[in-house]
Amino acid sequence: ITNYADSVKGRFTISRDNAKNTMSLQMNR
């Protein structure tokens, strides 16, 4: 499940890697 604020929807992508204990936010445009 992922959720985004309307202001960033379609531009930002959230992801996580549980094996590495990391989370990221790819911000485009």
mmCIF file of all heavy atoms, coordinates in Angstrom:
data_MODEL
# 
_entry.id   MODEL 
# 
loop_
_atom_site.group_PDB 
_atom_site.id 
_atom_site.type_symbol 
_atom_site.label_atom_id 
_atom_site.label_alt_id 
_atom_site.label_comp_id 
_atom_site.label_asym_id 
_atom_site.label_entity_id 
_atom_site.label_seq_id 
_atom_site.pdbx_PDB_ins_code 
_atom_site.Cartn_x 
_atom_site.Cartn_y 
_atom_site.Cartn_z 
_atom_site.occupancy 
_atom_site.B_iso_or_equiv 
_atom_site.pdbx_formal_charge 
_atom_site.auth_seq_id 
_atom_site.auth_comp_id 
_atom_site.auth_asym_id 
_atom_site.auth_atom_id 
_atom_site.pdbx_PDB_model_num 
ATOM 1   N N   . ILE A 1 1  ? 0.842  -1.185 0.000   1.00 0.00 ? 1  ILE A N   1 
ATOM 2   C CA  . ILE A 1 1  ? 0.000  0.000  0.000   1.00 0.00 ? 1  ILE A CA  1 
ATOM 3   C C   . ILE A 1 1  ? 0.882  1.242  0.000   1.00 0.00 ? 1  ILE A C   1 
ATOM 4   O O   . ILE A 1 1  ? 1.816  1.346  0.792   1.00 0.00 ? 1  ILE A O   1 
ATOM 5   C CB  . ILE A 1 1  ? -0.932 0.032  1.223   1.00 0.00 ? 1  ILE A CB  1 
ATOM 6   C CG1 . ILE A 1 1  ? -1.816 -1.216 1.254   1.00 0.00 ? 1  ILE A CG1 1 
ATOM 7   C CG2 . ILE A 1 1  ? -1.784 1.297  1.212   1.00 0.00 ? 1  ILE A CG2 1 
ATOM 8   C CD1 . ILE A 1 1  ? -2.631 -1.346 2.524   1.00 0.00 ? 1  ILE A CD1 1 
ATOM 9   N N   . THR A 1 2  ? 0.589  2.175  -0.883  1.00 0.00 ? 2  THR A N   1 
ATOM 10  C CA  . THR A 1 2  ? 1.254  3.468  -0.887  1.00 0.00 ? 2  THR A CA  1 
ATOM 11  C C   . THR A 1 2  ? 0.213  4.569  -0.973  1.00 0.00 ? 2  THR A C   1 
ATOM 12  O O   . THR A 1 2  ? -0.838 4.400  -1.582  1.00 0.00 ? 2  THR A O   1 
ATOM 13  C CB  . THR A 1 2  ? 2.242  3.611  -2.051  1.00 0.00 ? 2  THR A CB  1 
ATOM 14  O OG1 . THR A 1 2  ? 1.559  3.398  -3.294  1.00 0.00 ? 2  THR A OG1 1 
ATOM 15  C CG2 . THR A 1 2  ? 3.376  2.609  -1.927  1.00 0.00 ? 2  THR A CG2 1 
ATOM 16  N N   . ASN A 1 3  ? 0.511  5.695  -0.362  1.00 0.00 ? 3  ASN A N   1 
ATOM 17  C CA  . ASN A 1 3  ? -0.377 6.847  -0.382  1.00 0.00 ? 3  ASN A CA  1 
ATOM 18  C C   . ASN A 1 3  ? 0.438  8.108  -0.623  1.00 0.00 ? 3  ASN A C   1 
ATOM 19  O O   . ASN A 1 3  ? 1.567  8.229  -0.161  1.00 0.00 ? 3  ASN A O   1 
ATOM 20  C CB  . ASN A 1 3  ? -1.147 6.970  0.929   1.00 0.00 ? 3  ASN A CB  1 
ATOM 21  C CG  . ASN A 1 3  ? -2.033 5.780  1.206   1.00 0.00 ? 3  ASN A CG  1 
ATOM 22  O OD1 . ASN A 1 3  ? -1.669 4.882  1.959   1.00 0.00 ? 3  ASN A OD1 1 
ATOM 23  N ND2 . ASN A 1 3  ? -3.215 5.768  0.589   1.00 0.00 ? 3  ASN A ND2 1 
ATOM 24  N N   . TYR A 1 4  ? -0.168 9.049  -1.334  1.00 0.00 ? 4  TYR A N   1 
ATOM 25  C CA  . TYR A 1 4  ? 0.512  10.285 -1.670  1.00 0.00 ? 4  TYR A CA  1 
ATOM 26  C C   . TYR A 1 4  ? -0.406 11.478 -1.458  1.00 0.00 ? 4  TYR A C   1 
ATOM 27  O O   . TYR A 1 4  ? -1.617 11.395 -1.666  1.00 0.00 ? 4  TYR A O   1 
ATOM 28  C CB  . TYR A 1 4  ? 0.961  10.285 -3.128  1.00 0.00 ? 4  TYR A CB  1 
ATOM 29  C CG  . TYR A 1 4  ? 1.940  9.198  -3.471  1.00 0.00 ? 4  TYR A CG  1 
ATOM 30  C CD1 . TYR A 1 4  ? 1.509  7.962  -3.932  1.00 0.00 ? 4  TYR A CD1 1 
ATOM 31  C CD2 . TYR A 1 4  ? 3.310  9.407  -3.331  1.00 0.00 ? 4  TYR A CD2 1 
ATOM 32  C CE1 . TYR A 1 4  ? 2.409  6.960  -4.245  1.00 0.00 ? 4  TYR A CE1 1 
ATOM 33  C CE2 . TYR A 1 4  ? 4.216  8.408  -3.644  1.00 0.00 ? 4  TYR A CE2 1 
ATOM 34  C CZ  . TYR A 1 4  ? 3.759  7.189  -4.096  1.00 0.00 ? 4  TYR A CZ  1 
ATOM 35  O OH  . TYR A 1 4  ? 4.660  6.197  -4.413  1.00 0.00 ? 4  TYR A OH  1 
ATOM 36  N N   . ALA A 1 5  ? 0.193  12.576 -1.046  1.00 0.00 ? 5  ALA A N   1 
ATOM 37  C CA  . ALA A 1 5  ? -0.536 13.826 -1.025  1.00 0.00 ? 5  ALA A CA  1 
ATOM 38  C C   . ALA A 1 5  ? -0.872 14.228 -2.453  1.00 0.00 ? 5  ALA A C   1 
ATOM 39  O O   . ALA A 1 5  ? -0.126 13.932 -3.387  1.00 0.00 ? 5  ALA A O   1 
ATOM 40  C CB  . ALA A 1 5  ? 0.288  14.917 -0.347  1.00 0.00 ? 5  ALA A CB  1 
ATOM 41  N N   . ASP A 1 6  ? -2.000 14.904 -2.624  1.00 0.00 ? 6  ASP A N   1 
ATOM 42  C CA  . ASP A 1 6  ? -2.414 15.306 -3.962  1.00 0.00 ? 6  ASP A CA  1 
ATOM 43  C C   . ASP A 1 6  ? -1.361 16.166 -4.663  1.00 0.00 ? 6  ASP A C   1 
ATOM 44  O O   . ASP A 1 6  ? -1.208 16.099 -5.883  1.00 0.00 ? 6  ASP A O   1 
ATOM 45  C CB  . ASP A 1 6  ? -3.739 16.069 -3.900  1.00 0.00 ? 6  ASP A CB  1 
ATOM 46  C CG  . ASP A 1 6  ? -4.912 15.172 -3.552  1.00 0.00 ? 6  ASP A CG  1 
ATOM 47  O OD1 . ASP A 1 6  ? -4.805 13.943 -3.721  1.00 0.00 ? 6  ASP A OD1 1 
ATOM 48  O OD2 . ASP A 1 6  ? -5.953 15.704 -3.118  1.00 0.00 ? 6  ASP A OD2 1 
ATOM 49  N N   . SER A 1 7  ? -0.636 16.952 -3.895  1.00 0.00 ? 7  SER A N   1 
ATOM 50  C CA  . SER A 1 7  ? 0.329  17.869 -4.467  1.00 0.00 ? 7  SER A CA  1 
ATOM 51  C C   . SER A 1 7  ? 1.536  17.174 -5.091  1.00 0.00 ? 7  SER A C   1 
ATOM 52  O O   . SER A 1 7  ? 2.237  17.772 -5.910  1.00 0.00 ? 7  SER A O   1 
ATOM 53  C CB  . SER A 1 7  ? 0.805  18.866 -3.408  1.00 0.00 ? 7  SER A CB  1 
ATOM 54  O OG  . SER A 1 7  ? 1.412  18.190 -2.321  1.00 0.00 ? 7  SER A OG  1 
ATOM 55  N N   . VAL A 1 8  ? 1.789  15.927 -4.710  1.00 0.00 ? 8  VAL A N   1 
ATOM 56  C CA  . VAL A 1 8  ? 2.954  15.214 -5.224  1.00 0.00 ? 8  VAL A CA  1 
ATOM 57  C C   . VAL A 1 8  ? 2.578  13.980 -6.027  1.00 0.00 ? 8  VAL A C   1 
ATOM 58  O O   . VAL A 1 8  ? 3.460  13.333 -6.609  1.00 0.00 ? 8  VAL A O   1 
ATOM 59  C CB  . VAL A 1 8  ? 3.919  14.810 -4.088  1.00 0.00 ? 8  VAL A CB  1 
ATOM 60  C CG1 . VAL A 1 8  ? 4.283  16.018 -3.248  1.00 0.00 ? 8  VAL A CG1 1 
ATOM 61  C CG2 . VAL A 1 8  ? 3.311  13.714 -3.218  1.00 0.00 ? 8  VAL A CG2 1 
ATOM 62  N N   . LYS A 1 9  ? 1.324  13.651 -6.071  1.00 0.00 ? 9  LYS A N   1 
ATOM 63  C CA  . LYS A 1 9  ? 0.864  12.457 -6.768  1.00 0.00 ? 9  LYS A CA  1 
ATOM 64  C C   . LYS A 1 9  ? 1.252  12.507 -8.242  1.00 0.00 ? 9  LYS A C   1 
ATOM 65  O O   . LYS A 1 9  ? 1.026  13.500 -8.929  1.00 0.00 ? 9  LYS A O   1 
ATOM 66  C CB  . LYS A 1 9  ? -0.649 12.312 -6.613  1.00 0.00 ? 9  LYS A CB  1 
ATOM 67  C CG  . LYS A 1 9  ? -1.206 10.954 -7.010  1.00 0.00 ? 9  LYS A CG  1 
ATOM 68  C CD  . LYS A 1 9  ? -2.689 10.867 -6.666  1.00 0.00 ? 9  LYS A CD  1 
ATOM 69  C CE  . LYS A 1 9  ? -2.920 11.053 -5.166  1.00 0.00 ? 9  LYS A CE  1 
ATOM 70  N NZ  . LYS A 1 9  ? -4.362 10.971 -4.805  1.00 0.00 ? 9  LYS A NZ  1 
ATOM 71  N N   . GLY A 1 10 ? 1.858  11.430 -8.706  1.00 0.00 ? 10 GLY A N   1 
ATOM 72  C CA  . GLY A 1 10 ? 2.307  11.362 -10.084 1.00 0.00 ? 10 GLY A CA  1 
ATOM 73  C C   . GLY A 1 10 ? 3.714  11.866 -10.296 1.00 0.00 ? 10 GLY A C   1 
ATOM 74  O O   . GLY A 1 10 ? 4.295  11.638 -11.363 1.00 0.00 ? 10 GLY A O   1 
ATOM 75  N N   . ARG A 1 11 ? 4.289  12.543 -9.308  1.00 0.00 ? 11 ARG A N   1 
ATOM 76  C CA  . ARG A 1 11 ? 5.648  13.065 -9.412  1.00 0.00 ? 11 ARG A CA  1 
ATOM 77  C C   . ARG A 1 11 ? 6.613  12.377 -8.456  1.00 0.00 ? 11 ARG A C   1 
ATOM 78  O O   . ARG A 1 11 ? 7.783  12.185 -8.785  1.00 0.00 ? 11 ARG A O   1 
ATOM 79  C CB  . ARG A 1 11 ? 5.676  14.568 -9.133  1.00 0.00 ? 11 ARG A CB  1 
ATOM 80  C CG  . ARG A 1 11 ? 4.844  15.390 -10.110 1.00 0.00 ? 11 ARG A CG  1 
ATOM 81  C CD  . ARG A 1 11 ? 5.061  16.885 -9.900  1.00 0.00 ? 11 ARG A CD  1 
ATOM 82  N NE  . ARG A 1 11 ? 4.645  17.321 -8.568  1.00 0.00 ? 11 ARG A NE  1 
ATOM 83  C CZ  . ARG A 1 11 ? 5.456  17.861 -7.667  1.00 0.00 ? 11 ARG A CZ  1 
ATOM 84  N NH1 . ARG A 1 11 ? 6.745  18.042 -7.949  1.00 0.00 ? 11 ARG A NH1 1 
ATOM 85  N NH2 . ARG A 1 11 ? 4.989  18.250 -6.482  1.00 0.00 ? 11 ARG A NH2 1 
ATOM 86  N N   . PHE A 1 12 ? 6.132  12.016 -7.273  1.00 0.00 ? 12 PHE A N   1 
ATOM 87  C CA  . PHE A 1 12 ? 6.968  11.379 -6.260  1.00 0.00 ? 12 PHE A CA  1 
ATOM 88  C C   . PHE A 1 12 ? 6.632  9.902  -6.157  1.00 0.00 ? 12 PHE A C   1 
ATOM 89  O O   . PHE A 1 12 ? 5.475  9.498  -6.346  1.00 0.00 ? 12 PHE A O   1 
ATOM 90  C CB  . PHE A 1 12 ? 6.743  12.019 -4.888  1.00 0.00 ? 12 PHE A CB  1 
ATOM 91  C CG  . PHE A 1 12 ? 7.243  13.433 -4.751  1.00 0.00 ? 12 PHE A CG  1 
ATOM 92  C CD1 . PHE A 1 12 ? 7.666  14.170 -5.844  1.00 0.00 ? 12 PHE A CD1 1 
ATOM 93  C CD2 . PHE A 1 12 ? 7.278  14.023 -3.498  1.00 0.00 ? 12 PHE A CD2 1 
ATOM 94  C CE1 . PHE A 1 12 ? 8.117  15.472 -5.707  1.00 0.00 ? 12 PHE A CE1 1 
ATOM 95  C CE2 . PHE A 1 12 ? 7.730  15.320 -3.344  1.00 0.00 ? 12 PHE A CE2 1 
ATOM 96  C CZ  . PHE A 1 12 ? 8.149  16.052 -4.439  1.00 0.00 ? 12 PHE A CZ  1 
ATOM 97  N N   . THR A 1 13 ? 7.632  9.100  -5.828  1.00 0.00 ? 13 THR A N   1 
ATOM 98  C CA  . THR A 1 13 ? 7.440  7.673  -5.634  1.00 0.00 ? 13 THR A CA  1 
ATOM 99  C C   . THR A 1 13 ? 8.135  7.231  -4.355  1.00 0.00 ? 13 THR A C   1 
ATOM 100 O O   . THR A 1 13 ? 9.330  7.466  -4.181  1.00 0.00 ? 13 THR A O   1 
ATOM 101 C CB  . THR A 1 13 ? 7.995  6.855  -6.813  1.00 0.00 ? 13 THR A CB  1 
ATOM 102 O OG1 . THR A 1 13 ? 7.355  7.261  -8.025  1.00 0.00 ? 13 THR A OG1 1 
ATOM 103 C CG2 . THR A 1 13 ? 7.730  5.369  -6.596  1.00 0.00 ? 13 THR A CG2 1 
ATOM 104 N N   . ILE A 1 14 ? 7.382  6.602  -3.460  1.00 0.00 ? 14 ILE A N   1 
ATOM 105 C CA  . ILE A 1 14 ? 7.937  6.094  -2.218  1.00 0.00 ? 14 ILE A CA  1 
ATOM 106 C C   . ILE A 1 14 ? 8.218  4.604  -2.365  1.00 0.00 ? 14 ILE A C   1 
ATOM 107 O O   . ILE A 1 14 ? 7.462  3.881  -3.019  1.00 0.00 ? 14 ILE A O   1 
ATOM 108 C CB  . ILE A 1 14 ? 6.987  6.370  -1.033  1.00 0.00 ? 14 ILE A CB  1 
ATOM 109 C CG1 . ILE A 1 14 ? 7.658  6.031  0.296   1.00 0.00 ? 14 ILE A CG1 1 
ATOM 110 C CG2 . ILE A 1 14 ? 5.673  5.617  -1.189  1.00 0.00 ? 14 ILE A CG2 1 
ATOM 111 C CD1 . ILE A 1 14 ? 6.845  6.467  1.517   1.00 0.00 ? 14 ILE A CD1 1 
ATOM 112 N N   . SER A 1 15 ? 9.295  4.145  -1.768  1.00 0.00 ? 15 SER A N   1 
ATOM 113 C CA  . SER A 1 15 ? 9.640  2.735  -1.813  1.00 0.00 ? 15 SER A CA  1 
ATOM 114 C C   . SER A 1 15 ? 10.417 2.366  -0.554  1.00 0.00 ? 15 SER A C   1 
ATOM 115 O O   . SER A 1 15 ? 10.847 3.238  0.211   1.00 0.00 ? 15 SER A O   1 
ATOM 116 C CB  . SER A 1 15 ? 10.461 2.403  -3.070  1.00 0.00 ? 15 SER A CB  1 
ATOM 117 O OG  . SER A 1 15 ? 11.684 3.120  -3.081  1.00 0.00 ? 15 SER A OG  1 
ATOM 118 N N   . ARG A 1 16 ? 10.582 1.078  -0.338  1.00 0.00 ? 16 ARG A N   1 
ATOM 119 C CA  . ARG A 1 16 ? 11.345 0.626  0.819   1.00 0.00 ? 16 ARG A CA  1 
ATOM 120 C C   . ARG A 1 16 ? 12.050 -0.670 0.495   1.00 0.00 ? 16 ARG A C   1 
ATOM 121 O O   . ARG A 1 16 ? 11.621 -1.438 -0.375  1.00 0.00 ? 16 ARG A O   1 
ATOM 122 C CB  . ARG A 1 16 ? 10.445 0.455  2.049   1.00 0.00 ? 16 ARG A CB  1 
ATOM 123 C CG  . ARG A 1 16 ? 9.422  -0.669 1.935   1.00 0.00 ? 16 ARG A CG  1 
ATOM 124 C CD  . ARG A 1 16 ? 8.452  -0.645 3.108   1.00 0.00 ? 16 ARG A CD  1 
ATOM 125 N NE  . ARG A 1 16 ? 9.113  -0.882 4.373   1.00 0.00 ? 16 ARG A NE  1 
ATOM 126 C CZ  . ARG A 1 16 ? 8.584  -0.624 5.567   1.00 0.00 ? 16 ARG A CZ  1 
ATOM 127 N NH1 . ARG A 1 16 ? 7.365  -0.097 5.641   1.00 0.00 ? 16 ARG A NH1 1 
ATOM 128 N NH2 . ARG A 1 16 ? 9.261  -0.879 6.672   1.00 0.00 ? 16 ARG A NH2 1 
ATOM 129 N N   . ASP A 1 17 ? 13.132 -0.924 1.204   1.00 0.00 ? 17 ASP A N   1 
ATOM 130 C CA  . ASP A 1 17 ? 13.891 -2.152 1.081   1.00 0.00 ? 17 ASP A CA  1 
ATOM 131 C C   . ASP A 1 17 ? 14.106 -2.680 2.486   1.00 0.00 ? 17 ASP A C   1 
ATOM 132 O O   . ASP A 1 17 ? 14.992 -2.225 3.204   1.00 0.00 ? 17 ASP A O   1 
ATOM 133 C CB  . ASP A 1 17 ? 15.224 -1.904 0.375   1.00 0.00 ? 17 ASP A CB  1 
ATOM 134 C CG  . ASP A 1 17 ? 15.965 -3.184 0.059   1.00 0.00 ? 17 ASP A CG  1 
ATOM 135 O OD1 . ASP A 1 17 ? 15.726 -4.209 0.714   1.00 0.00 ? 17 ASP A OD1 1 
ATOM 136 O OD2 . ASP A 1 17 ? 16.813 -3.167 -0.864  1.00 0.00 ? 17 ASP A OD2 1 
ATOM 137 N N   . ASN A 1 18 ? 13.282 -3.623 2.887   1.00 0.00 ? 18 ASN A N   1 
ATOM 138 C CA  . ASN A 1 18 ? 13.341 -4.124 4.250   1.00 0.00 ? 18 ASN A CA  1 
ATOM 139 C C   . ASN A 1 18 ? 14.642 -4.868 4.547   1.00 0.00 ? 18 ASN A C   1 
ATOM 140 O O   . ASN A 1 18 ? 15.100 -4.899 5.689   1.00 0.00 ? 18 ASN A O   1 
ATOM 141 C CB  . ASN A 1 18 ? 12.142 -5.031 4.531   1.00 0.00 ? 18 ASN A CB  1 
ATOM 142 C CG  . ASN A 1 18 ? 10.837 -4.263 4.630   1.00 0.00 ? 18 ASN A CG  1 
ATOM 143 O OD1 . ASN A 1 18 ? 10.835 -3.040 4.771   1.00 0.00 ? 18 ASN A OD1 1 
ATOM 144 N ND2 . ASN A 1 18 ? 9.729  -4.969 4.550   1.00 0.00 ? 18 ASN A ND2 1 
ATOM 145 N N   . ALA A 1 19 ? 15.235 -5.470 3.531   1.00 0.00 ? 19 ALA A N   1 
ATOM 146 C CA  . ALA A 1 19 ? 16.492 -6.174 3.722   1.00 0.00 ? 19 ALA A CA  1 
ATOM 147 C C   . ALA A 1 19 ? 17.625 -5.215 4.079   1.00 0.00 ? 19 ALA A C   1 
ATOM 148 O O   . ALA A 1 19 ? 18.572 -5.594 4.767   1.00 0.00 ? 19 ALA A O   1 
ATOM 149 C CB  . ALA A 1 19 ? 16.852 -6.979 2.478   1.00 0.00 ? 19 ALA A CB  1 
ATOM 150 N N   . LYS A 1 20 ? 17.536 -3.973 3.611   1.00 0.00 ? 20 LYS A N   1 
ATOM 151 C CA  . LYS A 1 20 ? 18.557 -2.970 3.872   1.00 0.00 ? 20 LYS A CA  1 
ATOM 152 C C   . LYS A 1 20 ? 18.135 -1.944 4.915   1.00 0.00 ? 20 LYS A C   1 
ATOM 153 O O   . LYS A 1 20 ? 18.890 -1.018 5.216   1.00 0.00 ? 20 LYS A O   1 
ATOM 154 C CB  . LYS A 1 20 ? 18.933 -2.252 2.583   1.00 0.00 ? 20 LYS A CB  1 
ATOM 155 C CG  . LYS A 1 20 ? 19.542 -3.154 1.520   1.00 0.00 ? 20 LYS A CG  1 
ATOM 156 C CD  . LYS A 1 20 ? 19.901 -2.367 0.278   1.00 0.00 ? 20 LYS A CD  1 
ATOM 157 C CE  . LYS A 1 20 ? 20.541 -3.259 -0.764  1.00 0.00 ? 20 LYS A CE  1 
ATOM 158 N NZ  . LYS A 1 20 ? 20.890 -2.508 -2.000  1.00 0.00 ? 20 LYS A NZ  1 
ATOM 159 N N   . ASN A 1 21 ? 16.934 -2.089 5.444   1.00 0.00 ? 21 ASN A N   1 
ATOM 160 C CA  . ASN A 1 21 ? 16.407 -1.151 6.443   1.00 0.00 ? 21 ASN A CA  1 
ATOM 161 C C   . ASN A 1 21 ? 16.415 0.288  5.928   1.00 0.00 ? 21 ASN A C   1 
ATOM 162 O O   . ASN A 1 21 ? 16.830 1.215  6.627   1.00 0.00 ? 21 ASN A O   1 
ATOM 163 C CB  . ASN A 1 21 ? 17.191 -1.243 7.749   1.00 0.00 ? 21 ASN A CB  1 
ATOM 164 C CG  . ASN A 1 21 ? 16.947 -2.533 8.494   1.00 0.00 ? 21 ASN A CG  1 
ATOM 165 O OD1 . ASN A 1 21 ? 16.041 -3.301 8.171   1.00 0.00 ? 21 ASN A OD1 1 
ATOM 166 N ND2 . ASN A 1 21 ? 17.755 -2.784 9.514   1.00 0.00 ? 21 ASN A ND2 1 
ATOM 167 N N   . THR A 1 22 ? 15.968 0.456  4.705   1.00 0.00 ? 22 THR A N   1 
ATOM 168 C CA  . THR A 1 22 ? 15.947 1.782  4.109   1.00 0.00 ? 22 THR A CA  1 
ATOM 169 C C   . THR A 1 22 ? 14.608 2.069  3.447   1.00 0.00 ? 22 THR A C   1 
ATOM 170 O O   . THR A 1 22 ? 13.881 1.166  3.048   1.00 0.00 ? 22 THR A O   1 
ATOM 171 C CB  . THR A 1 22 ? 17.055 1.956  3.055   1.00 0.00 ? 22 THR A CB  1 
ATOM 172 O OG1 . THR A 1 22 ? 16.904 0.964  2.033   1.00 0.00 ? 22 THR A OG1 1 
ATOM 173 C CG2 . THR A 1 22 ? 18.428 1.831  3.685   1.00 0.00 ? 22 THR A CG2 1 
ATOM 174 N N   . MET A 1 23 ? 14.319 3.348  3.342   1.00 0.00 ? 23 MET A N   1 
ATOM 175 C CA  . MET A 1 23 ? 13.157 3.836  2.634   1.00 0.00 ? 23 MET A CA  1 
ATOM 176 C C   . MET A 1 23 ? 13.618 5.005  1.783   1.00 0.00 ? 23 MET A C   1 
ATOM 177 O O   . MET A 1 23 ? 14.548 5.722  2.154   1.00 0.00 ? 23 MET A O   1 
ATOM 178 C CB  . MET A 1 23 ? 12.076 4.299  3.620   1.00 0.00 ? 23 MET A CB  1 
ATOM 179 C CG  . MET A 1 23 ? 10.853 4.895  2.953   1.00 0.00 ? 23 MET A CG  1 
ATOM 180 S SD  . MET A 1 23 ? 9.645  5.576  4.135   1.00 0.00 ? 23 MET A SD  1 
ATOM 181 C CE  . MET A 1 23 ? 10.586 6.887  4.898   1.00 0.00 ? 23 MET A CE  1 
ATOM 182 N N   . SER A 1 24 ? 12.978 5.207  0.651   1.00 0.00 ? 24 SER A N   1 
ATOM 183 C CA  . SER A 1 24 ? 13.395 6.282  -0.228  1.00 0.00 ? 24 SER A CA  1 
ATOM 184 C C   . SER A 1 24 ? 12.194 7.029  -0.785  1.00 0.00 ? 24 SER A C   1 
ATOM 185 O O   . SER A 1 24 ? 11.065 6.542  -0.778  1.00 0.00 ? 24 SER A O   1 
ATOM 186 C CB  . SER A 1 24 ? 14.259 5.750  -1.373  1.00 0.00 ? 24 SER A CB  1 
ATOM 187 O OG  . SER A 1 24 ? 13.506 4.905  -2.224  1.00 0.00 ? 24 SER A OG  1 
ATOM 188 N N   . LEU A 1 25 ? 12.468 8.228  -1.264  1.00 0.00 ? 25 LEU A N   1 
ATOM 189 C CA  . LEU A 1 25 ? 11.460 9.047  -1.930  1.00 0.00 ? 25 LEU A CA  1 
ATOM 190 C C   . LEU A 1 25 ? 12.089 9.605  -3.194  1.00 0.00 ? 25 LEU A C   1 
ATOM 191 O O   . LEU A 1 25 ? 12.988 10.446 -3.122  1.00 0.00 ? 25 LEU A O   1 
ATOM 192 C CB  . LEU A 1 25 ? 10.982 10.182 -1.025  1.00 0.00 ? 25 LEU A CB  1 
ATOM 193 C CG  . LEU A 1 25 ? 9.875  11.070 -1.591  1.00 0.00 ? 25 LEU A CG  1 
ATOM 194 C CD1 . LEU A 1 25 ? 8.559  10.289 -1.685  1.00 0.00 ? 25 LEU A CD1 1 
ATOM 195 C CD2 . LEU A 1 25 ? 9.685  12.318 -0.735  1.00 0.00 ? 25 LEU A CD2 1 
ATOM 196 N N   . GLN A 1 26 ? 11.643 9.112  -4.329  1.00 0.00 ? 26 GLN A N   1 
ATOM 197 C CA  . GLN A 1 26 ? 12.105 9.616  -5.610  1.00 0.00 ? 26 GLN A CA  1 
ATOM 198 C C   . GLN A 1 26 ? 11.231 10.799 -6.003  1.00 0.00 ? 26 GLN A C   1 
ATOM 199 O O   . GLN A 1 26 ? 10.020 10.650 -6.153  1.00 0.00 ? 26 GLN A O   1 
ATOM 200 C CB  . GLN A 1 26 ? 12.035 8.526  -6.678  1.00 0.00 ? 26 GLN A CB  1 
ATOM 201 C CG  . GLN A 1 26 ? 12.464 8.974  -8.067  1.00 0.00 ? 26 GLN A CG  1 
ATOM 202 C CD  . GLN A 1 26 ? 13.924 9.353  -8.134  1.00 0.00 ? 26 GLN A CD  1 
ATOM 203 O OE1 . GLN A 1 26 ? 14.773 8.631  -7.622  1.00 0.00 ? 26 GLN A OE1 1 
ATOM 204 N NE2 . GLN A 1 26 ? 14.224 10.491 -8.752  1.00 0.00 ? 26 GLN A NE2 1 
ATOM 205 N N   . MET A 1 27 ? 11.834 11.952 -6.158  1.00 0.00 ? 27 MET A N   1 
ATOM 206 C CA  . MET A 1 27 ? 11.111 13.169 -6.466  1.00 0.00 ? 27 MET A CA  1 
ATOM 207 C C   . MET A 1 27 ? 11.476 13.621 -7.878  1.00 0.00 ? 27 MET A C   1 
ATOM 208 O O   . MET A 1 27 ? 12.637 13.924 -8.156  1.00 0.00 ? 27 MET A O   1 
ATOM 209 C CB  . MET A 1 27 ? 11.426 14.267 -5.453  1.00 0.00 ? 27 MET A CB  1 
ATOM 210 C CG  . MET A 1 27 ? 11.183 13.853 -4.008  1.00 0.00 ? 27 MET A CG  1 
ATOM 211 S SD  . MET A 1 27 ? 11.446 15.215 -2.835  1.00 0.00 ? 27 MET A SD  1 
ATOM 212 C CE  . MET A 1 27 ? 13.202 15.497 -3.075  1.00 0.00 ? 27 MET A CE  1 
ATOM 213 N N   . ASN A 1 28 ? 10.493 13.662 -8.742  1.00 0.00 ? 28 ASN A N   1 
ATOM 214 C CA  . ASN A 1 28 ? 10.688 14.083 -10.118 1.00 0.00 ? 28 ASN A CA  1 
ATOM 215 C C   . ASN A 1 28 ? 9.892  15.345 -10.403 1.00 0.00 ? 28 ASN A C   1 
ATOM 216 O O   . ASN A 1 28 ? 8.907  15.644 -9.731  1.00 0.00 ? 28 ASN A O   1 
ATOM 217 C CB  . ASN A 1 28 ? 10.260 12.986 -11.087 1.00 0.00 ? 28 ASN A CB  1 
ATOM 218 C CG  . ASN A 1 28 ? 11.079 11.723 -10.954 1.00 0.00 ? 28 ASN A CG  1 
ATOM 219 O OD1 . ASN A 1 28 ? 12.270 11.761 -10.655 1.00 0.00 ? 28 ASN A OD1 1 
ATOM 220 N ND2 . ASN A 1 28 ? 10.442 10.580 -11.201 1.00 0.00 ? 28 ASN A ND2 1 
ATOM 221 N N   . ARG A 1 29 ? 10.327 16.066 -11.424 1.00 0.00 ? 29 ARG A N   1 
ATOM 222 C CA  . ARG A 1 29 ? 9.654  17.297 -11.844 1.00 0.00 ? 29 ARG A CA  1 
ATOM 223 C C   . ARG A 1 29 ? 9.399  18.227 -10.666 1.00 0.00 ? 29 ARG A C   1 
ATOM 224 O O   . ARG A 1 29 ? 8.276  18.663 -10.410 1.00 0.00 ? 29 ARG A O   1 
ATOM 225 C CB  . ARG A 1 29 ? 8.348  16.963 -12.573 1.00 0.00 ? 29 ARG A CB  1 
ATOM 226 C CG  . ARG A 1 29 ? 8.563  16.292 -13.928 1.00 0.00 ? 29 ARG A CG  1 
ATOM 227 C CD  . ARG A 1 29 ? 7.235  15.939 -14.589 1.00 0.00 ? 29 ARG A CD  1 
ATOM 228 N NE  . ARG A 1 29 ? 6.621  14.773 -13.991 1.00 0.00 ? 29 ARG A NE  1 
ATOM 229 C CZ  . ARG A 1 29 ? 5.332  14.664 -13.694 1.00 0.00 ? 29 ARG A CZ  1 
ATOM 230 N NH1 . ARG A 1 29 ? 4.510  15.673 -13.941 1.00 0.00 ? 29 ARG A NH1 1 
ATOM 231 N NH2 . ARG A 1 29 ? 4.872  13.542 -13.164 1.00 0.00 ? 29 ARG A NH2 1 
# 
